[in-house]
PDB file of all heavy atoms in Angstrom:
ATOM      1  N   GLU A   1     113.287 133.922 190.136  1.00  0.00           N
ATOM      2  CA  GLU A   1     112.749 135.231 190.490  1.00  0.00           C
ATOM      3  C   GLU A   1     111.981 135.858 189.328  1.00  0.00           C
ATOM      4  O   GLU A   1     110.995 136.564 189.526  1.00  0.00           O
ATOM      5  CB  GLU A   1     113.889 136.160 190.919  1.00  0.00           C
ATOM      6  CG  GLU A   1     114.616 135.753 192.185  1.00  0.00           C
ATOM      7  CD  GLU A   1     113.709 135.787 193.410  1.00  0.00           C
ATOM      8  OE1 GLU A   1     112.780 136.617 193.444  1.00  0.00           O
ATOM      9  OE2 GLU A   1     113.925 134.988 194.335  1.00  0.00           O
ATOM     10  N   ALA A   2     112.433 135.596 188.099  1.00  0.00           N
ATOM     11  CA  ALA A   2     111.768 136.153 186.914  1.00  0.00           C
ATOM     12  C   ALA A   2     110.604 135.290 186.432  1.00  0.00           C
ATOM     13  O   ALA A   2     109.968 135.619 185.433  1.00  0.00           O
ATOM     14  CB  ALA A   2     112.779 136.322 185.786  1.00  0.00           C
ATOM     15  N   GLN A   3     110.335 134.185 187.134  1.00  0.00           N
ATOM     16  CA  GLN A   3     109.252 133.276 186.767  1.00  0.00           C
ATOM     17  C   GLN A   3     109.411 132.760 185.340  1.00  0.00           C
ATOM     18  O   GLN A   3     108.446 132.690 184.552  1.00  0.00           O
ATOM     19  CB  GLN A   3     107.893 133.965 186.938  1.00  0.00           C
ATOM     20  CG  GLN A   3     107.472 134.209 188.382  1.00  0.00           C
ATOM     21  CD  GLN A   3     107.046 132.905 189.053  1.00  0.00           C
ATOM     22  OE1 GLN A   3     105.899 132.455 188.950  1.00  0.00           O
ATOM     23  NE2 GLN A   3     107.980 132.279 189.737  1.00  0.00           N
ATOM     24  N   THR A   4     110.636 132.377 185.000  1.00  0.00           N
ATOM     25  CA  THR A   4     110.943 131.898 183.659  1.00  0.00           C
ATOM     26  C   THR A   4     110.900 130.376 183.616  1.00  0.00           C
ATOM     27  O   THR A   4     111.693 129.714 184.287  1.00  0.00           O
ATOM     28  CB  THR A   4     112.345 132.374 183.228  1.00  0.00           C
ATOM     29  OG1 THR A   4     112.393 133.797 183.284  1.00  0.00           O
ATOM     30  CG2 THR A   4     112.660 131.912 181.806  1.00  0.00           C
ATOM     31  N   PRO A   5     110.007 129.785 182.841  1.00  0.00           N
ATOM     32  CA  PRO A   5     109.978 128.325 182.701  1.00  0.00           C
ATOM     33  C   PRO A   5     111.056 127.865 181.729  1.00  0.00           C
ATOM     34  O   PRO A   5     111.655 128.681 181.011  1.00  0.00           O
ATOM     35  CB  PRO A   5     108.580 128.057 182.131  1.00  0.00           C
ATOM     36  CG  PRO A   5     108.277 129.294 181.328  1.00  0.00           C
ATOM     37  CD  PRO A   5     108.935 130.436 182.062  1.00  0.00           C
ATOM     38  N   GLY A   6     111.309 126.573 181.683  1.00  0.00           N
ATOM     39  CA  GLY A   6     112.320 126.093 180.751  1.00  0.00           C
ATOM     40  C   GLY A   6     112.376 124.586 180.653  1.00  0.00           C
ATOM     41  O   GLY A   6     111.757 123.865 181.439  1.00  0.00           O
ATOM     42  N   ARG A   7     113.141 124.130 179.656  1.00  0.00           N
ATOM     43  CA  ARG A   7     113.320 122.699 179.429  1.00  0.00           C
ATOM     44  C   ARG A   7     114.776 122.424 179.063  1.00  0.00           C
ATOM     45  O   ARG A   7     115.444 123.253 178.447  1.00  0.00           O
ATOM     46  CB  ARG A   7     112.413 122.189 178.305  1.00  0.00           C
ATOM     47  CG  ARG A   7     110.935 122.157 178.662  1.00  0.00           C
ATOM     48  CD  ARG A   7     110.124 121.609 177.498  1.00  0.00           C
ATOM     49  NE  ARG A   7     110.479 120.236 177.179  1.00  0.00           N
ATOM     50  CZ  ARG A   7     109.938 119.162 177.760  1.00  0.00           C
ATOM     51  NH1 ARG A   7     109.009 119.311 178.695  1.00  0.00           N
ATOM     52  NH2 ARG A   7     110.315 117.947 177.411  1.00  0.00           N
ATOM     53  N   VAL A   8     115.237 121.236 179.437  1.00  0.00           N
ATOM     54  CA  VAL A   8     116.570 120.761 179.069  1.00  0.00           C
ATOM     55  C   VAL A   8     116.446 119.295 178.683  1.00  0.00           C
ATOM     56  O   VAL A   8     115.793 118.520 179.393  1.00  0.00           O
ATOM     57  CB  VAL A   8     117.582 120.898 180.230  1.00  0.00           C
ATOM     58  CG1 VAL A   8     118.915 120.276 179.850  1.00  0.00           C
ATOM     59  CG2 VAL A   8     117.770 122.354 180.616  1.00  0.00           C
ATOM     60  N   LEU A   9     117.045 118.925 177.563  1.00  0.00           N
ATOM     61  CA  LEU A   9     117.159 117.514 177.196  1.00  0.00           C
ATOM     62  C   LEU A   9     118.618 117.121 177.386  1.00  0.00           C
ATOM     63  O   LEU A   9     119.492 117.540 176.622  1.00  0.00           O
ATOM     64  CB  LEU A   9     116.728 117.284 175.747  1.00  0.00           C
ATOM     65  CG  LEU A   9     116.818 115.829 175.259  1.00  0.00           C
ATOM     66  CD1 LEU A   9     115.914 114.917 176.099  1.00  0.00           C
ATOM     67  CD2 LEU A   9     116.457 115.722 173.789  1.00  0.00           C
ATOM     68  N   ALA A  10     118.888 116.371 178.437  1.00  0.00           N
ATOM     69  CA  ALA A  10     120.260 115.992 178.789  1.00  0.00           C
ATOM     70  C   ALA A  10     120.608 114.648 178.179  1.00  0.00           C
ATOM     71  O   ALA A  10     119.791 113.717 178.182  1.00  0.00           O
ATOM     72  CB  ALA A  10     120.420 115.933 180.303  1.00  0.00           C
ATOM     73  N   GLU A  11     121.818 114.548 177.660  1.00  0.00           N
ATOM     74  CA  GLU A  11     122.303 113.288 177.084  1.00  0.00           C
ATOM     75  C   GLU A  11     123.580 112.862 177.797  1.00  0.00           C
ATOM     76  O   GLU A  11     124.464 113.685 178.053  1.00  0.00           O
ATOM     77  CB  GLU A  11     122.577 113.456 175.593  1.00  0.00           C
ATOM     78  CG  GLU A  11     123.098 112.178 174.933  1.00  0.00           C
ATOM     79  CD  GLU A  11     123.375 112.364 173.451  1.00  0.00           C
ATOM     80  OE1 GLU A  11     124.374 113.056 173.114  1.00  0.00           O
ATOM     81  OE2 GLU A  11     122.604 111.839 172.640  1.00  0.00           O
ATOM     82  N   PHE A  12     123.663 111.575 178.114  1.00  0.00           N
ATOM     83  CA  PHE A  12     124.845 111.036 178.794  1.00  0.00           C
ATOM     84  C   PHE A  12     124.761 109.526 178.744  1.00  0.00           C
ATOM     85  O   PHE A  12     123.730 108.953 178.350  1.00  0.00           O
ATOM     86  CB  PHE A  12     124.896 111.513 180.253  1.00  0.00           C
ATOM     87  CG  PHE A  12     123.613 111.303 181.009  1.00  0.00           C
ATOM     88  CD1 PHE A  12     123.391 110.152 181.759  1.00  0.00           C
ATOM     89  CD2 PHE A  12     122.602 112.250 180.951  1.00  0.00           C
ATOM     90  CE1 PHE A  12     122.200 109.953 182.436  1.00  0.00           C
ATOM     91  CE2 PHE A  12     121.400 112.068 181.628  1.00  0.00           C
ATOM     92  CZ  PHE A  12     121.200 110.922 182.375  1.00  0.00           C
ATOM     93  N   ILE A  13     125.832 108.888 179.142  1.00  0.00           N
ATOM     94  CA  ILE A  13     125.857 107.426 179.197  1.00  0.00           C
ATOM     95  C   ILE A  13     125.705 106.968 180.637  1.00  0.00           C
ATOM     96  O   ILE A  13     126.340 107.523 181.542  1.00  0.00           O
ATOM     97  CB  ILE A  13     127.166 106.885 178.586  1.00  0.00           C
ATOM     98  CG1 ILE A  13     127.059 106.947 177.059  1.00  0.00           C
ATOM     99  CG2 ILE A  13     127.478 105.485 179.069  1.00  0.00           C
ATOM    100  CD1 ILE A  13     128.098 106.185 176.306  1.00  0.00           C
ATOM    101  N   VAL A  14     124.849 105.984 180.839  1.00  0.00           N
ATOM    102  CA  VAL A  14     124.678 105.351 182.145  1.00  0.00           C
ATOM    103  C   VAL A  14     125.558 104.105 182.182  1.00  0.00           C
ATOM    104  O   VAL A  14     125.468 103.236 181.308  1.00  0.00           O
ATOM    105  CB  VAL A  14     123.207 104.975 182.398  1.00  0.00           C
ATOM    106  CG1 VAL A  14     123.072 104.221 183.722  1.00  0.00           C
ATOM    107  CG2 VAL A  14     122.332 106.214 182.411  1.00  0.00           C
ATOM    108  N   SER A  15     126.431 104.041 183.181  1.00  0.00           N
ATOM    109  CA  SER A  15     127.378 102.934 183.291  1.00  0.00           C
ATOM    110  C   SER A  15     126.696 101.669 183.822  1.00  0.00           C
ATOM    111  O   SER A  15     125.576 101.736 184.355  1.00  0.00           O
ATOM    112  CB  SER A  15     128.520 103.325 184.233  1.00  0.00           C
ATOM    113  OG  SER A  15     128.049 103.366 185.580  1.00  0.00           O
ATOM    114  N   PRO A  16     127.331 100.503 183.703  1.00  0.00           N
ATOM    115  CA  PRO A  16     126.756  99.270 184.258  1.00  0.00           C
ATOM    116  C   PRO A  16     126.549  99.327 185.766  1.00  0.00           C
ATOM    117  O   PRO A  16     125.748  98.571 186.308  1.00  0.00           O
ATOM    118  CB  PRO A  16     127.795  98.202 183.874  1.00  0.00           C
ATOM    119  CG  PRO A  16     128.478  98.754 182.668  1.00  0.00           C
ATOM    120  CD  PRO A  16     128.539 100.237 182.905  1.00  0.00           C
ATOM    121  N   SER A  17     127.269 100.222 186.459  1.00  0.00           N
ATOM    122  CA  SER A  17     127.099 100.350 187.909  1.00  0.00           C
ATOM    123  C   SER A  17     125.998 101.338 188.275  1.00  0.00           C
ATOM    124  O   SER A  17     125.753 101.570 189.466  1.00  0.00           O
ATOM    125  CB  SER A  17     128.418 100.787 188.554  1.00  0.00           C
ATOM    126  OG  SER A  17     128.835 102.049 188.056  1.00  0.00           O
ATOM    127  N   GLY A  18     125.337 101.940 187.285  1.00  0.00           N
ATOM    128  CA  GLY A  18     124.216 102.836 187.566  1.00  0.00           C
ATOM    129  C   GLY A  18     124.609 104.272 187.821  1.00  0.00           C
ATOM    130  O   GLY A  18     123.860 105.010 188.464  1.00  0.00           O
ATOM    131  N   GLU A  19     125.746 104.704 187.309  1.00  0.00           N
ATOM    132  CA  GLU A  19     126.181 106.086 187.448  1.00  0.00           C
ATOM    133  C   GLU A  19     126.257 106.745 186.085  1.00  0.00           C
ATOM    134  O   GLU A  19     126.486 106.084 185.068  1.00  0.00           O
ATOM    135  CB  GLU A  19     127.561 106.155 188.126  1.00  0.00           C
ATOM    136  CG  GLU A  19     127.587 105.586 189.537  1.00  0.00           C
ATOM    137  CD  GLU A  19     128.986 105.595 190.113  1.00  0.00           C
ATOM    138  OE1 GLU A  19     129.949 105.670 189.316  1.00  0.00           O
ATOM    139  OE2 GLU A  19     129.119 105.531 191.340  1.00  0.00           O
ATOM    140  N   ALA A  20     126.067 108.075 186.078  1.00  0.00           N
ATOM    141  CA  ALA A  20     126.208 108.825 184.837  1.00  0.00           C
ATOM    142  C   ALA A  20     127.693 109.054 184.556  1.00  0.00           C
ATOM    143  O   ALA A  20     128.441 109.456 185.445  1.00  0.00           O
ATOM    144  CB  ALA A  20     125.481 110.157 184.929  1.00  0.00           C
ATOM    145  N   VAL A  21     128.111 108.784 183.344  1.00  0.00           N
ATOM    146  CA  VAL A  21     129.487 109.058 182.926  1.00  0.00           C
ATOM    147  C   VAL A  21     129.536 110.523 182.513  1.00  0.00           C
ATOM    148  O   VAL A  21     129.116 110.901 181.424  1.00  0.00           O
ATOM    149  CB  VAL A  21     129.904 108.147 181.757  1.00  0.00           C
ATOM    150  CG1 VAL A  21     131.351 108.425 181.342  1.00  0.00           C
ATOM    151  CG2 VAL A  21     129.726 106.681 182.141  1.00  0.00           C
ATOM    152  N   MET A  22     130.037 111.389 183.409  1.00  0.00           N
ATOM    153  CA  MET A  22     129.914 112.828 183.218  1.00  0.00           C
ATOM    154  C   MET A  22     130.738 113.349 182.040  1.00  0.00           C
ATOM    155  O   MET A  22     130.455 114.420 181.517  1.00  0.00           O
ATOM    156  CB  MET A  22     130.291 113.571 184.496  1.00  0.00           C
ATOM    157  CG  MET A  22     129.351 113.274 185.670  1.00  0.00           C
ATOM    158  SD  MET A  22     127.596 113.470 185.254  1.00  0.00           S
ATOM    159  CE  MET A  22     127.505 115.212 184.889  1.00  0.00           C
ATOM    160  N   GLU A  23     131.754 112.610 181.603  1.00  0.00           N
ATOM    161  CA  GLU A  23     132.524 113.034 180.428  1.00  0.00           C
ATOM    162  C   GLU A  23     131.682 112.992 179.164  1.00  0.00           C
ATOM    163  O   GLU A  23     132.050 113.583 178.145  1.00  0.00           O
ATOM    164  CB  GLU A  23     133.760 112.145 180.243  1.00  0.00           C
ATOM    165  CG  GLU A  23     134.828 112.317 181.301  1.00  0.00           C
ATOM    166  CD  GLU A  23     134.495 111.561 182.583  1.00  0.00           C
ATOM    167  OE1 GLU A  23     133.474 110.834 182.612  1.00  0.00           O
ATOM    168  OE2 GLU A  23     135.265 111.700 183.560  1.00  0.00           O
ATOM    169  N   THR A  24     130.534 112.298 179.230  1.00  0.00           N
ATOM    170  CA  THR A  24     129.663 112.213 178.057  1.00  0.00           C
ATOM    171  C   THR A  24     128.434 113.103 178.185  1.00  0.00           C
ATOM    172  O   THR A  24     127.564 113.081 177.322  1.00  0.00           O
ATOM    173  CB  THR A  24     129.195 110.755 177.841  1.00  0.00           C
ATOM    174  OG1 THR A  24     128.374 110.341 178.949  1.00  0.00           O
ATOM    175  CG2 THR A  24     130.383 109.818 177.713  1.00  0.00           C
ATOM    176  N   PHE A  25     128.363 113.905 179.256  1.00  0.00           N
ATOM    177  CA  PHE A  25     127.178 114.735 179.481  1.00  0.00           C
ATOM    178  C   PHE A  25     127.160 115.936 178.541  1.00  0.00           C
ATOM    179  O   PHE A  25     128.168 116.618 178.337  1.00  0.00           O
ATOM    180  CB  PHE A  25     127.131 115.233 180.919  1.00  0.00           C
ATOM    181  CG  PHE A  25     125.983 116.180 181.197  1.00  0.00           C
ATOM    182  CD1 PHE A  25     124.767 115.706 181.673  1.00  0.00           C
ATOM    183  CD2 PHE A  25     126.107 117.541 180.942  1.00  0.00           C
ATOM    184  CE1 PHE A  25     123.714 116.573 181.914  1.00  0.00           C
ATOM    185  CE2 PHE A  25     125.056 118.418 181.192  1.00  0.00           C
ATOM    186  CZ  PHE A  25     123.863 117.930 181.662  1.00  0.00           C
ATOM    187  N   SER A  26     125.990 116.207 177.975  1.00  0.00           N
ATOM    188  CA  SER A  26     125.762 117.437 177.217  1.00  0.00           C
ATOM    189  C   SER A  26     124.271 117.720 177.209  1.00  0.00           C
ATOM    190  O   SER A  26     123.446 116.823 177.457  1.00  0.00           O
ATOM    191  CB  SER A  26     126.283 117.333 175.780  1.00  0.00           C
ATOM    192  OG  SER A  26     125.529 116.395 175.037  1.00  0.00           O
ATOM    193  N   ALA A  27     123.922 118.973 176.983  1.00  0.00           N
ATOM    194  CA  ALA A  27     122.522 119.362 176.836  1.00  0.00           C
ATOM    195  C   ALA A  27     122.218 119.407 175.342  1.00  0.00           C
ATOM    196  O   ALA A  27     122.723 120.266 174.621  1.00  0.00           O
ATOM    197  CB  ALA A  27     122.256 120.712 177.482  1.00  0.00           C
ATOM    198  N   VAL A  28     121.409 118.465 174.875  1.00  0.00           N
ATOM    199  CA  VAL A  28     121.070 118.417 173.450  1.00  0.00           C
ATOM    200  C   VAL A  28     120.294 119.674 173.058  1.00  0.00           C
ATOM    201  O   VAL A  28     120.592 120.319 172.052  1.00  0.00           O
ATOM    202  CB  VAL A  28     120.250 117.153 173.122  1.00  0.00           C
ATOM    203  CG1 VAL A  28     119.890 117.106 171.638  1.00  0.00           C
ATOM    204  CG2 VAL A  28     121.024 115.903 173.528  1.00  0.00           C
ATOM    205  N   THR A  29     119.294 120.016 173.863  1.00  0.00           N
ATOM    206  CA  THR A  29     118.537 121.257 173.658  1.00  0.00           C
ATOM    207  C   THR A  29     118.258 121.883 175.023  1.00  0.00           C
ATOM    208  O   THR A  29     118.177 121.179 176.039  1.00  0.00           O
ATOM    209  CB  THR A  29     117.183 121.016 172.949  1.00  0.00           C
ATOM    210  OG1 THR A  29     116.369 120.147 173.751  1.00  0.00           O
ATOM    211  CG2 THR A  29     117.377 120.402 171.581  1.00  0.00           C
ATOM    212  N   THR A  30     118.102 123.180 175.048  1.00  0.00           N
ATOM    213  CA  THR A  30     117.711 123.886 176.266  1.00  0.00           C
ATOM    214  C   THR A  30     117.086 125.217 175.885  1.00  0.00           C
ATOM    215  O   THR A  30     117.462 125.811 174.866  1.00  0.00           O
ATOM    216  CB  THR A  30     118.908 124.122 177.209  1.00  0.00           C
ATOM    217  OG1 THR A  30     118.473 124.790 178.388  1.00  0.00           O
ATOM    218  CG2 THR A  30     119.987 124.972 176.538  1.00  0.00           C
TER     219      THR A  30
END
């Protein structure tokens, strides 16, 4: 609504089955 742009650099581990391991998720910058 405020027309605010933004960026997020997300870091996480991708498992051998092709899923994100959410326990390792964090936003490096935002």
